């Protein structure tokens, strides 16, 4: 029984000492609070990094798919209209992507503007082809474009002047916007 009383007195004296030295007590509380805040910030930072890693993998996957579609288009195993439809489906899944395409490319419809986006990808890839192969592919695709999109806006074929605001790498700019948007969404 004596030990219980001694322990109670020691605890009471300790509590009184902490209360008497409130700066020290407040300091302990502040340090504990800071440690908790740092853990929360660290956890949020890790969650953001994980989210951005997922977004990055998604973007790289989308780019790889589009590059495969462009290779098929250049090889003549698919048509401009088919590739345009596939790009359109992928682009529509991200509103910021469609917003950028609408603002960047000429055309009377989202489909026609997306066809111009396909040609932006094509521009990068045709640079790796021989001049004869490039001319052959361009002749075929120009005829396909004019048949599919007779609106009079014309196609932005490699070698033609780029539409205002567009140019080589425009599609990479659009994916950059998507990445920034995903980072912003994750932070909120």
N, C-alpha and C. Protein backbone atom coordinates (compact mmCIF):
# COMPACT_ATOMS: atom_id res chain seq x y z
N UNK A 1 0.83 -1.18 0.00
CA UNK A 1 0.00 0.00 0.00
C UNK A 1 0.88 1.25 0.00
N UNK A 2 1.96 1.15 0.73
CA UNK A 2 2.87 2.27 0.81
C UNK A 2 3.45 2.61 -0.56
N UNK A 3 3.72 1.59 -1.36
CA UNK A 3 4.27 1.79 -2.70
C UNK A 3 3.27 2.51 -3.61
N UNK A 4 1.99 2.22 -3.46
CA UNK A 4 0.96 2.88 -4.28
C UNK A 4 0.89 4.36 -3.94
N UNK A 5 0.97 4.64 -2.64
CA UNK A 5 0.93 6.06 -2.24
C UNK A 5 2.16 6.79 -2.76
N UNK A 6 3.28 6.17 -2.70
CA UNK A 6 4.53 6.79 -3.16
C UNK A 6 4.43 7.06 -4.67
N UNK A 7 3.93 6.10 -5.39
CA UNK A 7 3.78 6.27 -6.84
C UNK A 7 2.81 7.38 -7.15
N UNK A 8 1.72 7.46 -6.41
CA UNK A 8 0.73 8.52 -6.63
C UNK A 8 1.33 9.88 -6.35
N UNK A 9 2.13 9.98 -5.27
CA UNK A 9 2.78 11.26 -4.93
C UNK A 9 3.77 11.65 -6.02
N UNK A 10 4.53 10.69 -6.50
CA UNK A 10 5.50 10.97 -7.56
C UNK A 10 4.79 11.45 -8.82
N UNK A 11 3.70 10.80 -9.17
CA UNK A 11 2.93 11.22 -10.36
C UNK A 11 2.35 12.61 -10.17
N UNK A 12 1.82 12.87 -9.00
CA UNK A 12 1.25 14.19 -8.73
C UNK A 12 2.32 15.26 -8.79
N UNK A 13 3.48 14.97 -8.22
CA UNK A 13 4.59 15.94 -8.26
C UNK A 13 5.06 16.16 -9.70
N UNK A 14 5.10 15.10 -10.48
CA UNK A 14 5.51 15.21 -11.89
C UNK A 14 4.53 16.08 -12.67
N UNK A 15 3.24 15.84 -12.43
CA UNK A 15 2.21 16.64 -13.10
C UNK A 15 2.31 18.09 -12.67
N UNK A 16 2.57 18.32 -11.38
CA UNK A 16 2.71 19.69 -10.88
C UNK A 16 3.93 20.36 -11.48
N UNK A 17 5.01 19.59 -11.62
CA UNK A 17 6.23 20.16 -12.20
C UNK A 17 6.01 20.54 -13.65
N UNK A 18 5.32 19.69 -14.40
CA UNK A 18 5.02 19.99 -15.81
C UNK A 18 4.14 21.23 -15.90
N UNK A 19 3.13 21.28 -15.03
CA UNK A 19 2.24 22.44 -15.04
C UNK A 19 2.99 23.70 -14.64
N UNK A 20 3.90 23.57 -13.68
CA UNK A 20 4.66 24.73 -13.22
C UNK A 20 5.60 25.22 -14.31
N UNK A 21 6.07 24.32 -15.07
CA UNK A 21 6.97 24.68 -16.18
C UNK A 21 6.22 24.52 -17.48
N UNK A 22 5.23 25.37 -17.65
CA UNK A 22 4.33 25.21 -18.78
C UNK A 22 5.03 25.38 -20.12
N UNK A 23 6.10 26.17 -20.15
CA UNK A 23 6.82 26.28 -21.41
C UNK A 23 7.39 24.93 -21.81
N UNK A 24 7.93 24.22 -20.88
CA UNK A 24 8.47 22.90 -21.17
C UNK A 24 7.35 21.95 -21.58
N UNK A 25 6.23 22.00 -20.91
CA UNK A 25 5.07 21.17 -21.24
C UNK A 25 4.53 21.54 -22.62
N UNK A 26 4.43 22.84 -22.86
CA UNK A 26 3.94 23.29 -24.17
C UNK A 26 4.91 22.86 -25.27
N UNK A 27 6.19 22.90 -24.95
CA UNK A 27 7.19 22.48 -25.91
C UNK A 27 7.02 21.00 -26.25
N UNK A 28 6.76 20.19 -25.23
CA UNK A 28 6.52 18.76 -25.49
C UNK A 28 5.29 18.55 -26.36
N UNK A 29 4.22 19.32 -26.07
CA UNK A 29 3.00 19.22 -26.87
C UNK A 29 3.27 19.67 -28.30
N UNK A 30 4.02 20.79 -28.46
CA UNK A 30 4.35 21.29 -29.80
C UNK A 30 5.17 20.26 -30.58
N UNK A 31 6.15 19.67 -29.92
CA UNK A 31 6.99 18.68 -30.59
C UNK A 31 6.18 17.46 -31.01
N UNK A 32 5.28 17.03 -30.15
CA UNK A 32 4.42 15.89 -30.49
C UNK A 32 3.52 16.24 -31.66
N UNK A 33 2.99 17.45 -31.65
CA UNK A 33 2.12 17.91 -32.74
C UNK A 33 2.89 18.03 -34.05
N UNK A 34 4.11 18.57 -33.96
CA UNK A 34 4.95 18.71 -35.15
C UNK A 34 5.29 17.34 -35.74
N UNK A 35 5.60 16.40 -34.88
CA UNK A 35 5.92 15.05 -35.34
C UNK A 35 4.73 14.44 -36.06
N UNK A 36 3.54 14.64 -35.51
CA UNK A 36 2.33 14.11 -36.15
C UNK A 36 2.11 14.79 -37.49
N UNK A 37 2.28 16.10 -37.53
CA UNK A 37 2.09 16.86 -38.78
C UNK A 37 3.10 16.41 -39.84
N UNK A 38 4.33 16.18 -39.42
CA UNK A 38 5.35 15.72 -40.35
C UNK A 38 5.00 14.34 -40.90
N UNK A 39 4.49 13.45 -40.04
CA UNK A 39 4.08 12.12 -40.50
C UNK A 39 2.94 12.22 -41.50
N UNK A 40 1.98 13.12 -41.24
CA UNK A 40 0.84 13.30 -42.15
C UNK A 40 1.33 13.84 -43.49
N UNK A 41 2.22 14.86 -43.44
CA UNK A 41 2.76 15.42 -44.68
C UNK A 41 3.53 14.37 -45.46
N UNK A 42 4.33 13.58 -44.77
CA UNK A 42 5.11 12.53 -45.42
C UNK A 42 4.18 11.52 -46.08
N UNK A 43 3.15 11.09 -45.36
CA UNK A 43 2.19 10.13 -45.91
C UNK A 43 1.51 10.72 -47.15
N UNK A 44 1.10 12.00 -47.08
CA UNK A 44 0.46 12.64 -48.23
C UNK A 44 1.41 12.73 -49.40
N UNK A 45 2.69 13.01 -49.13
CA UNK A 45 3.70 13.09 -50.20
C UNK A 45 3.88 11.72 -50.85
N UNK A 46 3.92 10.68 -50.06
CA UNK A 46 4.06 9.31 -50.60
C UNK A 46 2.83 8.97 -51.44
N UNK A 47 1.64 9.32 -50.96
CA UNK A 47 0.42 9.06 -51.72
C UNK A 47 0.43 9.81 -53.05
N UNK A 48 0.88 11.07 -53.04
CA UNK A 48 0.96 11.85 -54.27
C UNK A 48 1.95 11.22 -55.24
N UNK A 49 3.12 10.82 -54.74
CA UNK A 49 4.11 10.18 -55.60
C UNK A 49 3.57 8.88 -56.20
N UNK A 50 2.86 8.10 -55.40
CA UNK A 50 2.26 6.87 -55.91
C UNK A 50 1.24 7.18 -57.01
N UNK A 51 0.41 8.20 -56.77
CA UNK A 51 -0.60 8.59 -57.76
C UNK A 51 0.07 9.05 -59.06
N UNK A 52 1.10 9.88 -58.94
CA UNK A 52 1.78 10.37 -60.13
C UNK A 52 2.49 9.24 -60.88
N UNK A 53 2.97 8.25 -60.16
CA UNK A 53 3.59 7.09 -60.82
C UNK A 53 2.55 6.34 -61.65
N UNK A 54 1.33 6.20 -61.11
CA UNK A 54 0.25 5.54 -61.85
C UNK A 54 -0.11 6.37 -63.09
N UNK A 55 -0.22 7.68 -62.92
CA UNK A 55 -0.55 8.57 -64.05
C UNK A 55 0.54 8.48 -65.10
N UNK A 56 1.79 8.47 -64.67
CA UNK A 56 2.90 8.39 -65.61
C UNK A 56 2.84 7.09 -66.40
N UNK A 57 2.58 5.96 -65.72
CA UNK A 57 2.45 4.68 -66.43
C UNK A 57 1.30 4.73 -67.43
N UNK A 58 0.18 5.35 -67.03
CA UNK A 58 -0.97 5.46 -67.93
C UNK A 58 -0.60 6.28 -69.17
N UNK A 59 0.07 7.40 -68.96
CA UNK A 59 0.44 8.25 -70.09
C UNK A 59 1.41 7.54 -71.02
N UNK A 60 2.39 6.88 -70.45
CA UNK A 60 3.35 6.14 -71.28
C UNK A 60 2.65 5.03 -72.05
N UNK A 61 1.68 4.40 -71.42
CA UNK A 61 0.91 3.34 -72.10
C UNK A 61 0.12 3.93 -73.26
N UNK A 62 -0.53 5.07 -73.03
CA UNK A 62 -1.30 5.73 -74.09
C UNK A 62 -0.40 6.13 -75.25
N UNK A 63 0.75 6.68 -74.95
CA UNK A 63 1.70 7.07 -76.00
C UNK A 63 2.16 5.84 -76.78
N UNK A 64 2.44 4.75 -76.09
CA UNK A 64 2.87 3.52 -76.77
C UNK A 64 1.78 3.01 -77.70
N UNK A 65 0.54 3.04 -77.24
CA UNK A 65 -0.57 2.60 -78.10
C UNK A 65 -0.67 3.50 -79.32
N UNK A 66 -0.60 4.81 -79.12
CA UNK A 66 -0.70 5.73 -80.26
C UNK A 66 0.47 5.54 -81.22
N UNK A 67 1.66 5.32 -80.69
CA UNK A 67 2.81 5.07 -81.57
C UNK A 67 2.62 3.79 -82.38
N UNK A 68 2.04 2.76 -81.78
CA UNK A 68 1.75 1.52 -82.51
C UNK A 68 0.73 1.78 -83.62
N UNK A 69 -0.30 2.55 -83.30
CA UNK A 69 -1.31 2.88 -84.31
C UNK A 69 -0.69 3.65 -85.47
N UNK A 70 0.20 4.58 -85.17
CA UNK A 70 0.87 5.36 -86.23
C UNK A 70 1.74 4.44 -87.08
N UNK A 71 2.44 3.51 -86.46
CA UNK A 71 3.26 2.56 -87.23
C UNK A 71 2.38 1.74 -88.17
N UNK A 72 1.21 1.32 -87.69
CA UNK A 72 0.28 0.57 -88.53
C UNK A 72 -0.24 1.44 -89.68
N UNK A 73 -0.48 2.71 -89.39
CA UNK A 73 -0.96 3.64 -90.42
C UNK A 73 0.10 3.85 -91.49
N UNK A 74 1.33 4.07 -91.07
CA UNK A 74 2.42 4.26 -92.03
C UNK A 74 2.60 3.00 -92.88
N UNK A 75 2.48 1.84 -92.26
CA UNK A 75 2.65 0.57 -92.98
C UNK A 75 1.48 0.27 -93.92
N UNK A 76 0.37 1.02 -93.79
CA UNK A 76 -0.78 0.80 -94.66
C UNK A 76 -1.68 -0.34 -94.18
N UNK A 77 -1.52 -0.78 -92.96
CA UNK A 77 -2.35 -1.88 -92.43
C UNK A 77 -3.64 -1.37 -91.79
N UNK A 78 -3.80 -0.06 -91.73
CA UNK A 78 -5.01 0.56 -91.21
C UNK A 78 -5.21 1.89 -91.93
N UNK A 79 -6.35 2.49 -91.72
CA UNK A 79 -6.64 3.75 -92.41
C UNK A 79 -6.57 4.93 -91.44
N UNK A 80 -6.51 6.11 -92.01
CA UNK A 80 -6.52 7.34 -91.21
C UNK A 80 -7.80 7.42 -90.39
N UNK A 81 -8.93 7.06 -90.98
CA UNK A 81 -10.21 7.12 -90.27
C UNK A 81 -10.23 6.17 -89.07
N UNK A 82 -9.68 4.96 -89.25
CA UNK A 82 -9.66 4.00 -88.14
C UNK A 82 -8.76 4.47 -87.00
N UNK A 83 -7.60 4.98 -87.35
CA UNK A 83 -6.67 5.47 -86.32
C UNK A 83 -7.27 6.69 -85.63
N UNK A 84 -7.91 7.55 -86.41
CA UNK A 84 -8.54 8.74 -85.83
C UNK A 84 -9.59 8.34 -84.81
N UNK A 85 -10.41 7.35 -85.12
CA UNK A 85 -11.44 6.91 -84.18
C UNK A 85 -10.82 6.38 -82.88
N UNK A 86 -9.74 5.64 -82.99
CA UNK A 86 -9.07 5.11 -81.80
C UNK A 86 -8.43 6.23 -80.97
N UNK A 87 -7.82 7.20 -81.64
CA UNK A 87 -7.27 8.35 -80.93
C UNK A 87 -8.40 9.11 -80.23
N UNK A 88 -9.51 9.30 -80.94
CA UNK A 88 -10.63 10.05 -80.39
C UNK A 88 -11.15 9.40 -79.11
N UNK A 89 -11.29 8.09 -79.11
CA UNK A 89 -11.76 7.39 -77.91
C UNK A 89 -10.78 7.62 -76.76
N UNK A 90 -9.49 7.49 -77.02
CA UNK A 90 -8.51 7.71 -75.96
C UNK A 90 -8.51 9.17 -75.49
N UNK A 91 -8.60 10.10 -76.44
CA UNK A 91 -8.58 11.52 -76.08
C UNK A 91 -9.82 11.93 -75.30
N UNK A 92 -10.97 11.35 -75.63
CA UNK A 92 -12.20 11.70 -74.93
C UNK A 92 -12.21 11.24 -73.48
N UNK A 93 -11.35 10.30 -73.15
CA UNK A 93 -11.30 9.83 -71.76
C UNK A 93 -10.64 10.85 -70.83
N UNK A 94 -10.02 11.87 -71.40
CA UNK A 94 -9.37 12.92 -70.61
C UNK A 94 -9.86 14.27 -71.13
N UNK A 95 -10.65 14.96 -70.33
CA UNK A 95 -11.25 16.21 -70.80
C UNK A 95 -10.19 17.26 -71.15
N UNK A 96 -9.09 17.32 -70.40
CA UNK A 96 -8.05 18.31 -70.70
C UNK A 96 -7.38 18.03 -72.04
N UNK A 97 -7.36 16.77 -72.43
CA UNK A 97 -6.79 16.40 -73.73
C UNK A 97 -7.67 16.94 -74.85
N UNK A 98 -8.98 16.73 -74.74
CA UNK A 98 -9.90 17.23 -75.77
C UNK A 98 -9.91 18.76 -75.80
N UNK A 99 -9.82 19.39 -74.65
CA UNK A 99 -9.80 20.85 -74.60
C UNK A 99 -8.60 21.38 -75.37
N UNK A 100 -7.46 20.76 -75.18
CA UNK A 100 -6.25 21.19 -75.89
C UNK A 100 -6.35 20.92 -77.39
N UNK A 101 -6.88 19.77 -77.76
CA UNK A 101 -7.03 19.45 -79.19
C UNK A 101 -7.98 20.43 -79.86
N UNK A 102 -9.07 20.74 -79.19
CA UNK A 102 -10.03 21.70 -79.75
C UNK A 102 -9.41 23.07 -79.95
N UNK A 103 -8.54 23.46 -79.04
CA UNK A 103 -7.92 24.78 -79.12
C UNK A 103 -6.75 24.83 -80.09
N UNK A 104 -6.14 23.68 -80.35
CA UNK A 104 -4.90 23.65 -81.13
C UNK A 104 -5.11 23.35 -82.62
N UNK A 105 -6.00 22.43 -82.92
CA UNK A 105 -6.10 21.92 -84.29
C UNK A 105 -7.32 22.47 -85.01
N UNK A 106 -7.17 22.74 -86.33
CA UNK A 106 -8.32 23.18 -87.11
C UNK A 106 -9.23 22.01 -87.43
N UNK A 107 -10.47 22.31 -87.69
CA UNK A 107 -11.41 21.28 -88.07
C UNK A 107 -12.81 21.67 -87.67
N UNK A 108 -13.78 21.06 -88.35
CA UNK A 108 -15.17 21.36 -88.07
C UNK A 108 -15.77 20.50 -86.98
N UNK A 109 -15.11 19.40 -86.64
CA UNK A 109 -15.63 18.48 -85.62
C UNK A 109 -14.46 17.99 -84.76
N UNK A 110 -14.81 17.38 -83.63
CA UNK A 110 -13.77 16.78 -82.79
C UNK A 110 -13.03 15.70 -83.55
N UNK A 111 -13.75 14.97 -84.39
CA UNK A 111 -13.12 13.91 -85.16
C UNK A 111 -12.08 14.49 -86.13
N UNK A 112 -12.44 15.56 -86.81
CA UNK A 112 -11.50 16.16 -87.75
C UNK A 112 -10.30 16.75 -87.02
N UNK A 113 -10.54 17.38 -85.89
CA UNK A 113 -9.44 17.92 -85.09
C UNK A 113 -8.54 16.79 -84.59
N UNK A 114 -9.15 15.66 -84.25
CA UNK A 114 -8.37 14.51 -83.81
C UNK A 114 -7.56 13.93 -84.97
N UNK A 115 -8.12 13.96 -86.17
CA UNK A 115 -7.36 13.52 -87.35
C UNK A 115 -6.11 14.40 -87.50
N UNK A 116 -6.26 15.69 -87.22
CA UNK A 116 -5.10 16.58 -87.27
C UNK A 116 -4.08 16.19 -86.18
N UNK A 117 -4.58 15.76 -85.01
CA UNK A 117 -3.71 15.29 -83.93
C UNK A 117 -2.96 14.03 -84.38
N UNK A 118 -3.64 13.14 -85.08
CA UNK A 118 -2.99 11.94 -85.63
C UNK A 118 -1.86 12.37 -86.56
N UNK A 119 -2.12 13.37 -87.38
CA UNK A 119 -1.09 13.84 -88.30
C UNK A 119 0.09 14.45 -87.55
N UNK A 120 -0.16 15.02 -86.36
CA UNK A 120 0.93 15.52 -85.53
C UNK A 120 1.85 14.38 -85.09
N UNK A 121 1.26 13.26 -84.71
CA UNK A 121 2.06 12.08 -84.39
C UNK A 121 2.80 11.60 -85.64
N UNK A 122 2.09 11.60 -86.74
CA UNK A 122 2.65 11.13 -88.00
C UNK A 122 3.90 11.93 -88.38
N UNK A 123 3.84 13.24 -88.15
CA UNK A 123 4.97 14.12 -88.48
C UNK A 123 6.24 13.62 -87.80
N UNK A 124 6.15 13.28 -86.54
CA UNK A 124 7.33 12.81 -85.82
C UNK A 124 7.86 11.50 -86.40
N UNK A 125 6.96 10.59 -86.70
CA UNK A 125 7.36 9.26 -87.18
C UNK A 125 7.84 9.27 -88.63
N UNK A 126 7.26 10.10 -89.47
CA UNK A 126 7.67 10.12 -90.88
C UNK A 126 9.09 10.63 -91.05
N UNK A 127 9.59 11.35 -90.08
CA UNK A 127 10.97 11.83 -90.14
C UNK A 127 11.97 10.69 -90.19
N UNK A 128 11.56 9.51 -89.79
CA UNK A 128 12.44 8.34 -89.77
C UNK A 128 12.35 7.54 -91.09
N UNK A 129 11.48 7.94 -91.98
CA UNK A 129 11.26 7.22 -93.24
C UNK A 129 12.14 7.82 -94.35
N UNK A 130 12.34 7.03 -95.39
CA UNK A 130 13.07 7.56 -96.54
C UNK A 130 12.18 8.58 -97.24
N UNK A 131 12.75 9.50 -98.01
CA UNK A 131 11.93 10.48 -98.72
C UNK A 131 10.89 9.85 -99.64
N UNK A 132 11.24 8.77 -100.31
CA UNK A 132 10.28 8.11 -101.22
C UNK A 132 9.12 7.50 -100.41
N UNK A 133 9.44 6.85 -99.32
CA UNK A 133 8.39 6.24 -98.49
C UNK A 133 7.52 7.32 -97.88
N UNK A 134 8.13 8.41 -97.42
CA UNK A 134 7.39 9.52 -96.84
C UNK A 134 6.40 10.09 -97.86
N UNK A 135 6.85 10.29 -99.11
CA UNK A 135 5.98 10.83 -100.15
C UNK A 135 4.82 9.88 -100.46
N UNK A 136 5.10 8.60 -100.49
CA UNK A 136 4.05 7.60 -100.75
C UNK A 136 2.99 7.62 -99.65
N UNK A 137 3.42 7.61 -98.40
CA UNK A 137 2.49 7.62 -97.27
C UNK A 137 1.67 8.91 -97.28
N UNK A 138 2.33 10.04 -97.53
CA UNK A 138 1.62 11.32 -97.53
C UNK A 138 0.56 11.39 -98.64
N UNK A 139 0.87 10.88 -99.82
CA UNK A 139 -0.12 10.87 -100.91
C UNK A 139 -1.36 10.08 -100.50
N UNK A 140 -1.13 8.89 -99.95
CA UNK A 140 -2.24 8.03 -99.52
C UNK A 140 -3.08 8.70 -98.43
N UNK A 141 -2.42 9.25 -97.43
CA UNK A 141 -3.15 9.84 -96.30
C UNK A 141 -3.83 11.15 -96.67
N UNK A 142 -3.23 11.90 -97.57
CA UNK A 142 -3.87 13.15 -98.01
C UNK A 142 -5.19 12.84 -98.71
N UNK A 143 -5.17 11.80 -99.56
CA UNK A 143 -6.41 11.39 -100.24
C UNK A 143 -7.44 10.90 -99.23
N UNK A 144 -7.01 10.12 -98.23
CA UNK A 144 -7.94 9.65 -97.20
C UNK A 144 -8.51 10.82 -96.40
N UNK A 145 -7.67 11.78 -96.06
CA UNK A 145 -8.13 12.93 -95.27
C UNK A 145 -9.17 13.73 -96.06
N UNK A 146 -8.87 14.02 -97.31
CA UNK A 146 -9.79 14.83 -98.13
C UNK A 146 -11.12 14.12 -98.35
N UNK A 147 -11.11 12.79 -98.42
CA UNK A 147 -12.35 12.03 -98.57
C UNK A 147 -13.14 12.04 -97.26
N UNK A 148 -12.46 11.84 -96.15
CA UNK A 148 -13.15 11.73 -94.85
C UNK A 148 -13.58 13.09 -94.30
N UNK A 149 -12.83 14.14 -94.60
CA UNK A 149 -13.09 15.46 -94.00
C UNK A 149 -13.10 16.55 -95.07
N UNK A 150 -14.19 16.63 -95.82
CA UNK A 150 -14.25 17.60 -96.92
C UNK A 150 -14.63 19.02 -96.45
N UNK A 151 -14.42 19.35 -95.19
CA UNK A 151 -14.85 20.64 -94.64
C UNK A 151 -14.10 21.83 -95.21
N UNK A 152 -12.96 21.58 -95.80
CA UNK A 152 -12.20 22.69 -96.35
C UNK A 152 -11.14 23.22 -95.40
N UNK A 153 -11.02 22.65 -94.20
CA UNK A 153 -9.98 23.11 -93.27
C UNK A 153 -8.60 22.65 -93.72
N UNK A 154 -8.55 21.55 -94.45
CA UNK A 154 -7.28 21.04 -94.92
C UNK A 154 -6.54 20.28 -93.84
N UNK A 155 -5.59 19.50 -94.28
CA UNK A 155 -4.83 18.67 -93.36
C UNK A 155 -3.50 19.32 -93.04
N UNK A 156 -3.04 19.10 -91.84
CA UNK A 156 -1.73 19.56 -91.42
C UNK A 156 -0.73 18.44 -91.67
N UNK A 157 -0.35 18.27 -92.94
CA UNK A 157 0.57 17.21 -93.27
C UNK A 157 2.00 17.66 -93.03
N UNK A 158 2.85 16.71 -92.69
CA UNK A 158 4.25 17.06 -92.51
C UNK A 158 4.78 17.78 -93.73
N UNK A 159 5.48 18.85 -93.49
CA UNK A 159 5.96 19.67 -94.59
C UNK A 159 5.05 20.86 -94.83
N UNK A 160 3.77 20.76 -94.47
CA UNK A 160 2.84 21.89 -94.55
C UNK A 160 3.08 22.77 -93.34
N UNK A 161 2.72 24.05 -93.45
CA UNK A 161 2.84 24.88 -92.25
C UNK A 161 1.90 24.33 -91.17
N UNK A 162 2.37 24.34 -89.95
CA UNK A 162 1.56 23.83 -88.83
C UNK A 162 0.46 24.81 -88.51
N UNK A 163 -0.67 24.32 -88.01
CA UNK A 163 -1.72 25.23 -87.58
C UNK A 163 -1.23 26.08 -86.42
N UNK A 164 -1.85 27.22 -86.23
CA UNK A 164 -1.45 28.12 -85.15
C UNK A 164 -1.43 27.37 -83.83
N UNK A 165 -0.31 27.42 -83.15
CA UNK A 165 -0.20 26.78 -81.84
C UNK A 165 0.17 25.32 -81.89
N UNK A 166 0.18 24.72 -83.07
CA UNK A 166 0.51 23.30 -83.16
C UNK A 166 1.89 23.16 -83.77
N UNK A 167 2.45 22.03 -83.63
CA UNK A 167 3.75 21.76 -84.23
C UNK A 167 4.25 20.42 -83.77
N UNK A 168 5.45 20.07 -84.18
CA UNK A 168 6.00 18.81 -83.72
C UNK A 168 6.00 18.79 -82.19
N UNK A 169 5.59 17.70 -81.64
CA UNK A 169 5.57 17.59 -80.19
C UNK A 169 4.31 18.10 -79.54
N UNK A 170 3.33 18.55 -80.32
CA UNK A 170 2.09 19.06 -79.71
C UNK A 170 1.44 17.98 -78.87
N UNK A 171 1.45 16.75 -79.36
CA UNK A 171 0.85 15.67 -78.58
C UNK A 171 1.58 15.48 -77.26
N UNK A 172 2.89 15.71 -77.24
CA UNK A 172 3.62 15.59 -75.97
C UNK A 172 3.21 16.71 -75.02
N UNK A 173 2.94 17.89 -75.56
CA UNK A 173 2.45 19.01 -74.75
C UNK A 173 1.11 18.63 -74.13
N UNK A 174 0.22 18.03 -74.91
CA UNK A 174 -1.09 17.64 -74.41
C UNK A 174 -0.94 16.64 -73.27
N UNK A 175 -0.03 15.65 -73.43
CA UNK A 175 0.17 14.69 -72.36
C UNK A 175 0.76 15.36 -71.13
N UNK A 176 1.59 16.38 -71.34
CA UNK A 176 2.11 17.16 -70.20
C UNK A 176 1.00 17.83 -69.44
N UNK A 177 0.02 18.38 -70.16
CA UNK A 177 -1.13 18.99 -69.50
C UNK A 177 -1.90 17.96 -68.69
N UNK A 178 -2.04 16.76 -69.24
CA UNK A 178 -2.76 15.71 -68.53
C UNK A 178 -2.03 15.35 -67.24
N UNK A 179 -0.69 15.28 -67.32
CA UNK A 179 0.10 14.93 -66.15
C UNK A 179 -0.03 16.01 -65.08
N UNK A 180 0.03 17.29 -65.50
CA UNK A 180 -0.13 18.39 -64.55
C UNK A 180 -1.51 18.36 -63.92
N UNK A 181 -2.52 18.09 -64.72
CA UNK A 181 -3.88 18.05 -64.19
C UNK A 181 -4.03 16.93 -63.18
N UNK A 182 -3.45 15.78 -63.46
CA UNK A 182 -3.54 14.67 -62.52
C UNK A 182 -2.83 15.01 -61.21
N UNK A 183 -1.68 15.68 -61.30
CA UNK A 183 -0.96 16.08 -60.09
C UNK A 183 -1.79 17.07 -59.29
N UNK A 184 -2.41 18.01 -59.98
CA UNK A 184 -3.25 19.01 -59.30
C UNK A 184 -4.44 18.34 -58.63
N UNK A 185 -5.09 17.41 -59.33
CA UNK A 185 -6.25 16.69 -58.76
C UNK A 185 -5.83 15.90 -57.53
N UNK A 186 -4.66 15.30 -57.57
CA UNK A 186 -4.19 14.47 -56.46
C UNK A 186 -3.91 15.32 -55.22
N UNK A 187 -3.47 16.55 -55.42
CA UNK A 187 -3.15 17.41 -54.30
C UNK A 187 -4.38 17.95 -53.62
N UNK A 188 -5.51 17.96 -54.29
CA UNK A 188 -6.71 18.52 -53.70
C UNK A 188 -7.56 17.51 -53.03
